N, C-alpha and C. Protein backbone atom coordinates (compact mmCIF):
# COMPACT_ATOMS: atom_id res chain seq x y z
N UNK A 1 6.85 84.04 107.69
CA UNK A 1 8.00 83.33 107.17
C UNK A 1 8.55 84.14 106.00
N UNK A 2 9.88 84.35 105.97
CA UNK A 2 10.48 85.12 104.88
C UNK A 2 10.19 84.47 103.52
N UNK A 3 10.08 85.30 102.51
CA UNK A 3 9.74 84.82 101.16
C UNK A 3 10.76 83.82 100.64
N UNK A 4 12.06 84.04 100.92
CA UNK A 4 13.08 83.13 100.40
C UNK A 4 12.91 81.72 100.97
N UNK A 5 12.56 81.63 102.26
CA UNK A 5 12.34 80.33 102.88
C UNK A 5 11.10 79.67 102.30
N UNK A 6 10.05 80.46 102.09
CA UNK A 6 8.80 79.91 101.55
C UNK A 6 9.02 79.39 100.13
N UNK A 7 9.78 80.10 99.32
CA UNK A 7 10.02 79.68 97.95
C UNK A 7 10.79 78.36 97.93
N UNK A 8 11.86 78.27 98.71
CA UNK A 8 12.65 77.04 98.74
C UNK A 8 11.83 75.90 99.31
N UNK A 9 11.10 76.15 100.39
CA UNK A 9 10.27 75.10 100.98
C UNK A 9 9.23 74.62 99.97
N UNK A 10 8.60 75.54 99.26
CA UNK A 10 7.59 75.16 98.27
C UNK A 10 8.21 74.34 97.15
N UNK A 11 9.39 74.72 96.70
CA UNK A 11 10.05 73.98 95.63
C UNK A 11 10.41 72.58 96.07
N UNK A 12 10.80 72.43 97.33
CA UNK A 12 11.21 71.12 97.82
C UNK A 12 10.04 70.22 98.17
N UNK A 13 8.87 70.80 98.50
CA UNK A 13 7.76 70.01 98.99
C UNK A 13 6.59 69.95 98.01
N UNK A 14 6.63 70.73 96.96
CA UNK A 14 5.49 70.83 96.05
C UNK A 14 5.11 69.51 95.42
N UNK A 15 6.06 68.66 95.17
CA UNK A 15 5.77 67.36 94.59
C UNK A 15 6.66 66.33 95.24
N UNK A 16 6.34 65.06 95.11
CA UNK A 16 7.16 64.05 95.77
C UNK A 16 8.61 64.15 95.34
N UNK A 17 9.52 64.07 96.29
CA UNK A 17 10.94 64.17 95.99
C UNK A 17 11.48 62.80 95.58
N UNK A 18 12.44 62.82 94.69
CA UNK A 18 13.09 61.59 94.30
C UNK A 18 14.43 61.51 94.99
N UNK A 19 14.74 60.38 95.60
CA UNK A 19 15.97 60.26 96.36
C UNK A 19 17.22 60.25 95.49
N UNK A 20 18.30 60.80 96.04
CA UNK A 20 19.61 60.68 95.43
C UNK A 20 20.09 59.29 95.81
N UNK A 21 20.69 58.58 94.91
CA UNK A 21 21.06 57.18 95.11
C UNK A 21 19.80 56.42 95.49
N UNK A 22 19.80 55.67 96.61
CA UNK A 22 18.61 54.88 96.94
C UNK A 22 17.58 55.69 97.70
N UNK A 23 18.00 56.60 98.58
CA UNK A 23 17.07 57.38 99.38
C UNK A 23 16.36 56.55 100.42
N UNK A 24 16.43 55.24 100.29
CA UNK A 24 15.74 54.37 101.23
C UNK A 24 16.56 54.15 102.49
N UNK A 25 17.84 54.44 102.43
CA UNK A 25 18.68 54.28 103.60
C UNK A 25 19.15 55.65 104.07
N UNK A 26 19.45 55.73 105.35
CA UNK A 26 19.95 56.99 105.88
C UNK A 26 21.36 57.25 105.36
N UNK A 27 21.65 58.52 105.16
CA UNK A 27 22.98 58.93 104.75
C UNK A 27 23.50 59.93 105.77
N UNK A 28 24.81 60.09 105.80
CA UNK A 28 25.45 61.03 106.71
C UNK A 28 26.20 62.07 105.89
N UNK A 29 26.00 63.33 106.24
CA UNK A 29 26.70 64.43 105.60
C UNK A 29 27.44 65.19 106.69
N UNK A 30 28.70 65.52 106.44
CA UNK A 30 29.49 66.33 107.37
C UNK A 30 29.93 67.58 106.61
N UNK A 31 29.73 68.72 107.24
CA UNK A 31 30.15 69.96 106.61
C UNK A 31 29.74 71.17 107.41
N UNK A 32 30.00 72.33 106.85
CA UNK A 32 29.70 73.60 107.50
C UNK A 32 28.27 74.04 107.22
N UNK A 33 27.59 74.55 108.25
CA UNK A 33 26.27 75.15 108.05
C UNK A 33 26.50 76.57 107.54
N UNK A 34 26.03 76.83 106.32
CA UNK A 34 26.26 78.12 105.68
C UNK A 34 24.95 78.86 105.44
N UNK A 35 25.09 80.16 105.28
CA UNK A 35 24.00 81.03 104.85
C UNK A 35 23.96 80.91 103.33
N UNK A 36 22.85 80.41 102.79
CA UNK A 36 22.81 80.13 101.35
C UNK A 36 22.94 81.38 100.49
N UNK A 37 22.39 82.50 100.92
CA UNK A 37 22.48 83.72 100.11
C UNK A 37 23.93 84.14 99.92
N UNK A 38 24.65 84.31 101.01
CA UNK A 38 26.04 84.76 100.91
C UNK A 38 26.92 83.71 100.25
N UNK A 39 26.66 82.43 100.53
CA UNK A 39 27.48 81.39 99.91
C UNK A 39 27.30 81.39 98.40
N UNK A 40 26.07 81.47 97.93
CA UNK A 40 25.83 81.42 96.48
C UNK A 40 26.29 82.69 95.77
N UNK A 41 26.17 83.84 96.43
CA UNK A 41 26.54 85.11 95.80
C UNK A 41 28.04 85.35 95.79
N UNK A 42 28.70 85.15 96.96
CA UNK A 42 30.14 85.45 97.02
C UNK A 42 30.94 84.41 97.79
N UNK A 43 30.45 83.18 97.85
CA UNK A 43 31.11 82.07 98.53
C UNK A 43 31.44 82.38 99.99
N UNK A 44 30.52 83.11 100.65
CA UNK A 44 30.71 83.43 102.05
C UNK A 44 30.64 82.18 102.91
N UNK A 45 31.72 81.89 103.62
CA UNK A 45 31.79 80.74 104.52
C UNK A 45 33.02 80.86 105.39
N UNK A 46 33.16 79.95 106.35
CA UNK A 46 34.34 79.93 107.20
C UNK A 46 34.21 80.84 108.41
N UNK A 47 35.22 80.79 109.27
CA UNK A 47 35.21 81.54 110.53
C UNK A 47 35.02 83.04 110.32
N UNK A 48 35.67 83.60 109.30
CA UNK A 48 35.57 85.04 109.06
C UNK A 48 34.15 85.46 108.69
N UNK A 49 33.40 84.55 108.10
CA UNK A 49 32.05 84.89 107.63
C UNK A 49 30.97 84.52 108.65
N UNK A 50 31.29 83.80 109.71
CA UNK A 50 30.30 83.31 110.66
C UNK A 50 29.39 84.41 111.22
N UNK A 51 29.91 85.57 111.67
CA UNK A 51 29.01 86.61 112.21
C UNK A 51 27.99 87.10 111.17
N UNK A 52 28.45 87.27 109.93
CA UNK A 52 27.55 87.71 108.86
C UNK A 52 26.49 86.64 108.59
N UNK A 53 26.92 85.38 108.52
CA UNK A 53 25.99 84.28 108.25
C UNK A 53 24.90 84.21 109.30
N UNK A 54 25.27 84.41 110.57
CA UNK A 54 24.27 84.36 111.64
C UNK A 54 23.24 85.47 111.47
N UNK A 55 23.68 86.66 111.10
CA UNK A 55 22.74 87.77 110.88
C UNK A 55 21.82 87.44 109.71
N UNK A 56 22.39 86.98 108.61
CA UNK A 56 21.59 86.70 107.41
C UNK A 56 20.56 85.59 107.66
N UNK A 57 20.94 84.56 108.39
CA UNK A 57 20.03 83.44 108.63
C UNK A 57 19.04 83.74 109.75
N UNK A 58 19.54 84.25 110.87
CA UNK A 58 18.68 84.41 112.04
C UNK A 58 17.82 85.66 111.98
N UNK A 59 18.30 86.72 111.33
CA UNK A 59 17.53 87.96 111.26
C UNK A 59 16.98 88.23 109.86
N UNK A 60 17.74 87.83 108.84
CA UNK A 60 17.33 88.13 107.48
C UNK A 60 16.48 87.06 106.82
N UNK A 61 16.43 85.87 107.42
CA UNK A 61 15.59 84.81 106.87
C UNK A 61 16.21 84.00 105.76
N UNK A 62 17.50 84.18 105.49
CA UNK A 62 18.16 83.37 104.47
C UNK A 62 18.19 81.92 104.93
N UNK A 63 17.89 80.97 104.07
CA UNK A 63 17.93 79.56 104.47
C UNK A 63 19.35 79.12 104.82
N UNK A 64 19.45 78.24 105.81
CA UNK A 64 20.73 77.62 106.15
C UNK A 64 20.80 76.29 105.40
N UNK A 65 22.01 75.89 105.03
CA UNK A 65 22.22 74.61 104.35
C UNK A 65 23.58 74.08 104.77
N UNK A 66 23.83 72.82 104.45
CA UNK A 66 25.11 72.20 104.78
C UNK A 66 25.97 72.16 103.52
N UNK A 67 27.19 72.67 103.63
CA UNK A 67 28.15 72.55 102.55
C UNK A 67 28.91 71.26 102.81
N UNK A 68 28.54 70.21 102.08
CA UNK A 68 29.11 68.87 102.27
C UNK A 68 30.59 68.91 101.93
N UNK A 69 31.44 68.67 102.95
CA UNK A 69 32.88 68.79 102.73
C UNK A 69 33.44 67.67 101.87
N UNK A 70 32.75 66.56 101.75
CA UNK A 70 33.24 65.45 100.93
C UNK A 70 33.01 65.71 99.44
N UNK A 71 31.82 66.20 99.10
CA UNK A 71 31.45 66.36 97.69
C UNK A 71 31.42 67.80 97.20
N UNK A 72 31.38 68.77 98.14
CA UNK A 72 31.25 70.17 97.76
C UNK A 72 29.82 70.57 97.43
N UNK A 73 28.86 69.66 97.63
CA UNK A 73 27.45 69.95 97.36
C UNK A 73 26.88 70.86 98.44
N UNK A 74 25.94 71.70 98.06
CA UNK A 74 25.17 72.50 99.00
C UNK A 74 23.86 71.76 99.21
N UNK A 75 23.59 71.32 100.45
CA UNK A 75 22.44 70.48 100.73
C UNK A 75 21.53 71.19 101.74
N UNK A 76 20.29 71.46 101.32
CA UNK A 76 19.32 72.11 102.19
C UNK A 76 18.80 71.13 103.23
N UNK A 77 18.32 71.67 104.36
CA UNK A 77 17.75 70.85 105.41
C UNK A 77 16.24 70.78 105.30
N UNK A 78 15.68 69.60 105.54
CA UNK A 78 14.23 69.39 105.56
C UNK A 78 13.81 68.92 106.95
N UNK A 79 12.64 69.33 107.38
CA UNK A 79 12.11 68.82 108.64
C UNK A 79 11.88 67.32 108.48
N UNK A 80 12.19 66.54 109.52
CA UNK A 80 11.95 65.09 109.43
C UNK A 80 10.47 64.80 109.23
N UNK A 81 10.18 63.72 108.53
CA UNK A 81 8.80 63.28 108.33
C UNK A 81 8.64 61.98 109.10
N UNK A 82 7.64 61.91 109.98
CA UNK A 82 7.48 60.68 110.78
C UNK A 82 6.72 59.63 109.97
N UNK A 83 6.61 58.43 110.57
CA UNK A 83 5.98 57.31 109.87
C UNK A 83 4.52 57.58 109.52
N UNK A 84 3.89 58.49 110.23
CA UNK A 84 2.50 58.84 109.94
C UNK A 84 2.39 59.96 108.91
N UNK A 85 3.56 60.34 108.35
CA UNK A 85 3.63 61.41 107.35
C UNK A 85 3.10 62.74 107.87
N UNK A 86 3.32 63.00 109.15
CA UNK A 86 2.95 64.30 109.72
C UNK A 86 3.77 65.37 109.00
N UNK A 87 3.17 66.45 108.68
CA UNK A 87 3.82 67.47 107.87
C UNK A 87 4.40 68.58 108.71
N UNK A 88 5.47 68.28 109.45
CA UNK A 88 6.14 69.28 110.26
C UNK A 88 6.68 70.40 109.39
N UNK A 89 6.99 70.07 108.12
CA UNK A 89 7.55 71.08 107.23
C UNK A 89 6.54 72.18 106.89
N UNK A 90 5.28 72.00 107.26
CA UNK A 90 4.28 73.04 107.03
C UNK A 90 4.16 74.00 108.22
N UNK A 91 4.73 73.63 109.35
CA UNK A 91 4.52 74.42 110.57
C UNK A 91 5.78 75.07 111.10
N UNK A 92 6.93 74.80 110.52
CA UNK A 92 8.18 75.39 110.99
C UNK A 92 9.14 75.56 109.82
N UNK A 93 10.17 76.37 110.04
CA UNK A 93 11.20 76.48 109.02
C UNK A 93 11.81 75.10 108.80
N UNK A 94 12.03 74.70 107.56
CA UNK A 94 12.59 73.37 107.32
C UNK A 94 14.01 73.22 107.87
N UNK A 95 14.72 74.34 108.04
CA UNK A 95 16.11 74.30 108.52
C UNK A 95 16.23 74.61 110.01
N UNK A 96 15.14 74.50 110.76
CA UNK A 96 15.12 74.94 112.17
C UNK A 96 16.23 74.28 113.01
N UNK A 97 16.56 73.03 112.75
CA UNK A 97 17.60 72.35 113.54
C UNK A 97 19.01 72.87 113.21
N UNK A 98 19.16 73.55 112.10
CA UNK A 98 20.48 74.08 111.71
C UNK A 98 20.73 75.48 112.27
N UNK A 99 19.66 76.19 112.65
CA UNK A 99 19.78 77.60 113.02
C UNK A 99 20.81 77.86 114.12
N UNK A 100 20.83 77.09 115.22
CA UNK A 100 21.82 77.39 116.26
C UNK A 100 23.25 76.99 115.87
N UNK A 101 23.42 76.37 114.71
CA UNK A 101 24.72 75.85 114.31
C UNK A 101 25.32 76.56 113.10
N UNK A 102 24.77 77.71 112.73
CA UNK A 102 25.28 78.45 111.57
C UNK A 102 26.76 78.77 111.77
N UNK A 103 27.55 78.46 110.76
CA UNK A 103 28.99 78.72 110.81
C UNK A 103 29.79 77.60 111.43
N UNK A 104 29.13 76.57 111.89
CA UNK A 104 29.84 75.47 112.55
C UNK A 104 29.87 74.23 111.67
N UNK A 105 30.78 73.33 112.02
CA UNK A 105 30.89 72.03 111.34
C UNK A 105 29.91 71.08 112.01
N UNK A 106 29.10 70.40 111.21
CA UNK A 106 28.08 69.50 111.74
C UNK A 106 28.12 68.14 111.06
N UNK A 107 27.51 67.19 111.73
CA UNK A 107 27.27 65.86 111.17
C UNK A 107 25.76 65.68 111.16
N UNK A 108 25.20 65.41 109.98
CA UNK A 108 23.75 65.28 109.82
C UNK A 108 23.44 63.90 109.27
N UNK A 109 22.47 63.24 109.90
CA UNK A 109 22.01 61.94 109.41
C UNK A 109 20.56 62.11 108.97
N UNK A 110 20.25 61.62 107.76
CA UNK A 110 18.89 61.69 107.25
C UNK A 110 18.81 61.11 105.86
N UNK A 111 17.68 61.32 105.21
CA UNK A 111 17.45 60.82 103.85
C UNK A 111 17.66 61.97 102.87
N UNK A 112 18.47 61.75 101.85
CA UNK A 112 18.80 62.79 100.88
C UNK A 112 17.89 62.65 99.66
N UNK A 113 17.33 63.80 99.23
CA UNK A 113 16.44 63.85 98.08
C UNK A 113 16.94 64.90 97.10
N UNK A 114 16.61 64.72 95.81
CA UNK A 114 17.02 65.66 94.77
C UNK A 114 15.88 65.86 93.79
N UNK A 115 15.69 67.10 93.39
CA UNK A 115 14.74 67.43 92.32
C UNK A 115 15.23 68.71 91.67
N UNK A 116 15.24 68.70 90.35
CA UNK A 116 15.63 69.88 89.56
C UNK A 116 16.98 70.46 89.98
N UNK A 117 17.91 69.58 90.34
CA UNK A 117 19.24 70.03 90.70
C UNK A 117 19.40 70.52 92.13
N UNK A 118 18.33 70.50 92.92
CA UNK A 118 18.39 70.93 94.32
C UNK A 118 18.42 69.68 95.20
N UNK A 119 19.36 69.65 96.15
CA UNK A 119 19.45 68.52 97.08
C UNK A 119 19.06 68.97 98.48
N UNK A 120 18.43 68.04 99.21
CA UNK A 120 18.04 68.32 100.59
C UNK A 120 18.14 67.03 101.39
N UNK A 121 18.33 67.18 102.70
CA UNK A 121 18.41 66.03 103.59
C UNK A 121 17.44 66.25 104.74
N UNK A 122 16.73 65.19 105.12
CA UNK A 122 15.88 65.29 106.31
C UNK A 122 16.81 65.39 107.51
N UNK A 123 16.52 66.31 108.39
CA UNK A 123 17.39 66.57 109.55
C UNK A 123 16.98 65.65 110.70
N UNK A 124 17.14 64.33 110.47
CA UNK A 124 16.76 63.35 111.48
C UNK A 124 17.65 63.44 112.72
N UNK A 125 18.96 63.57 112.50
CA UNK A 125 19.91 63.75 113.60
C UNK A 125 20.92 64.81 113.18
N UNK A 126 21.11 65.79 114.05
CA UNK A 126 22.05 66.88 113.78
C UNK A 126 22.92 67.06 115.01
N UNK A 127 24.24 67.06 114.82
CA UNK A 127 25.14 67.28 115.95
C UNK A 127 26.37 68.06 115.49
N UNK A 128 26.96 68.78 116.44
CA UNK A 128 28.21 69.46 116.15
C UNK A 128 29.28 68.41 115.88
N UNK A 129 30.18 68.71 114.96
CA UNK A 129 31.30 67.81 114.66
C UNK A 129 32.59 68.51 115.04
N UNK A 130 33.60 67.74 115.42
CA UNK A 130 34.90 68.37 115.74
C UNK A 130 35.43 69.11 114.53
N UNK A 131 36.24 70.13 114.80
CA UNK A 131 36.88 70.87 113.71
C UNK A 131 37.69 69.88 112.88
N UNK A 132 37.66 70.02 111.59
CA UNK A 132 38.31 69.08 110.68
C UNK A 132 39.80 68.98 110.95
N UNK A 133 40.26 67.73 111.13
CA UNK A 133 41.67 67.47 111.29
C UNK A 133 42.26 67.81 112.64
N UNK A 134 41.43 68.30 113.59
CA UNK A 134 42.00 68.69 114.87
C UNK A 134 41.75 67.67 115.97
N UNK A 135 40.66 66.91 115.85
CA UNK A 135 40.29 65.99 116.91
C UNK A 135 39.73 66.72 118.11
N UNK A 136 39.63 68.06 118.02
CA UNK A 136 39.10 68.84 119.13
C UNK A 136 37.61 68.57 119.28
N UNK A 137 37.16 68.67 120.51
CA UNK A 137 35.74 68.48 120.78
C UNK A 137 34.96 69.66 120.20
N UNK A 138 33.73 69.40 119.72
CA UNK A 138 32.92 70.49 119.19
C UNK A 138 32.56 71.49 120.28
N UNK A 139 32.19 72.72 119.86
CA UNK A 139 31.74 73.74 120.81
C UNK A 139 30.51 73.26 121.55
N UNK A 140 30.36 73.67 122.83
CA UNK A 140 29.15 73.26 123.58
C UNK A 140 27.91 73.94 123.07
């Protein structure tokens, strides 16, 4: 596992997370799946940046996150935790459900947590969303 993913995963899982707002109810986030390295360094996003983002995430190991279009927040993805508290986040990349959707608009349902200024959402449900304002169907 790339060091950048391990560092972020460790920071998010090292201690119990405190929910943003209530955290007890599911929340929905809609936005673009971005490559966190390029987004944070030079605001890399959008159609022009999609090929670069795919290389950085899929080959370079940069974590993928959702750029929430409503709030402008960058929200990392967490592996869902089942009722038995199985630790899937120890056996796979926490953003694994976002990988095939890098550069695309998505709708994510899950529980949002925050610690030390970092936000993350459990990737309970992830689906492609239509392009904003077009009503067009998402890519297959």
